[in-house]
């Protein structure tokens, strides 16, 4: 099959999208603020030194939690993404 006019056979670029960031950006500002407050509370208890590695491990544990957790699962996933964001800012 021949090449279609105007179609470039090689793509010149790709966009890499961070799923966690996109998921948080899709949240309403109030929800992001609530998630940030909850993440700060968890971090103050379980990672008081705010070391990025500690925060990232916390996020990984939350994200790897029960897949059949029902309606709470999306919230837990967003909370894990918020902890990752907190780790990047640390």
Protein backbone atom coordinates (compact mmCIF):
# COMPACT_ATOMS: atom_id res chain seq x y z
CA UNK A 1 0.00 0.00 0.00
CA UNK A 2 1.36 3.41 -0.90
CA UNK A 3 2.00 6.41 1.21
CA UNK A 4 -0.84 8.89 1.66
CA UNK A 5 0.02 12.44 0.62
CA UNK A 6 0.72 14.74 3.54
CA UNK A 7 1.38 11.86 5.88
CA UNK A 8 4.84 11.70 7.40
CA UNK A 9 5.94 8.08 7.84
CA UNK A 10 8.22 9.03 10.77
CA UNK A 11 6.85 10.69 13.83
CA UNK A 12 9.10 13.44 15.07
CA UNK A 13 8.07 13.60 18.69
CA UNK A 14 6.16 11.99 21.47
CA UNK A 15 4.59 13.30 24.60
CA UNK A 16 5.18 11.45 27.83
CA UNK A 17 2.31 11.86 30.24
CA UNK A 18 2.65 11.21 33.95
CA UNK A 19 -0.59 9.43 34.80
CA UNK A 20 -0.51 10.49 38.45
CA UNK A 21 -0.04 14.15 37.57
CA UNK A 22 -2.79 13.99 34.95
CA UNK A 23 -5.13 12.33 37.43
CA UNK A 24 -4.49 15.02 40.04
CA UNK A 25 -4.78 17.82 37.49
CA UNK A 26 -8.22 16.45 36.58
CA UNK A 27 -9.42 16.85 40.17
CA UNK A 28 -11.31 19.91 41.29
CA UNK A 29 -9.18 22.44 43.20
CA UNK A 30 -11.01 21.71 46.45
CA UNK A 31 -10.38 17.97 46.11
CA UNK A 32 -6.68 18.59 45.39
CA UNK A 33 -6.49 20.74 48.54
CA UNK A 34 -8.16 18.02 50.62
CA UNK A 35 -5.81 15.39 49.20
CA UNK A 36 -2.81 17.60 49.93
CA UNK A 37 -3.96 18.08 53.54
CA UNK A 38 -4.48 14.33 53.95
CA UNK A 39 -1.07 13.58 52.43
CA UNK A 40 0.57 16.12 54.74
CA UNK A 41 -1.08 14.49 57.73
CA UNK A 42 0.09 11.02 56.69
CA UNK A 43 3.58 12.31 56.00
CA UNK A 44 3.79 14.04 59.38
CA UNK A 45 3.01 10.74 61.10
CA UNK A 46 4.81 8.18 58.92
CA UNK A 47 7.58 10.25 57.28
CA UNK A 48 8.20 13.23 59.55
CA UNK A 49 11.57 14.00 57.94
CA UNK A 50 9.87 14.33 54.54
CA UNK A 51 12.55 12.31 52.77
CA UNK A 52 11.50 11.72 49.15
CA UNK A 53 12.30 8.01 49.41
CA UNK A 54 10.06 7.58 52.43
CA UNK A 55 7.20 9.44 50.79
CA UNK A 56 7.61 7.48 47.56
CA UNK A 57 7.53 4.18 49.47
CA UNK A 58 4.36 5.27 51.26
CA UNK A 59 2.79 6.12 47.92
CA UNK A 60 3.82 2.76 46.45
CA UNK A 61 2.31 0.89 49.39
CA UNK A 62 -0.96 2.74 49.02
CA UNK A 63 -1.05 2.26 45.25
CA UNK A 64 -0.34 -1.46 45.61
CA UNK A 65 -3.10 -1.94 48.15
CA UNK A 66 -6.20 -4.03 47.66
CA UNK A 67 -7.46 -3.77 44.12
CA UNK A 68 -10.98 -4.75 45.15
CA UNK A 69 -11.27 -2.08 47.84
CA UNK A 70 -14.48 -0.84 46.31
CA UNK A 71 -15.47 2.82 46.24
CA UNK A 72 -12.51 3.94 48.37
CA UNK A 73 -9.96 2.69 45.81
CA UNK A 74 -10.02 5.79 43.55
CA UNK A 75 -9.48 8.04 46.57
CA UNK A 76 -6.57 5.92 47.78
CA UNK A 77 -5.04 6.02 44.28
CA UNK A 78 -5.31 9.83 44.18
CA UNK A 79 -3.83 10.04 47.69
CA UNK A 80 -0.85 7.94 46.54
CA UNK A 81 -0.38 10.29 43.60
CA UNK A 82 -0.47 13.24 45.98
CA UNK A 83 2.22 11.65 48.15
CA UNK A 84 4.38 11.21 45.03
CA UNK A 85 3.88 14.88 44.24
CA UNK A 86 4.89 15.74 47.80
CA UNK A 87 8.01 13.57 47.40
CA UNK A 88 9.00 15.42 44.22
CA UNK A 89 8.59 18.75 46.01
CA UNK A 90 10.72 17.61 48.99
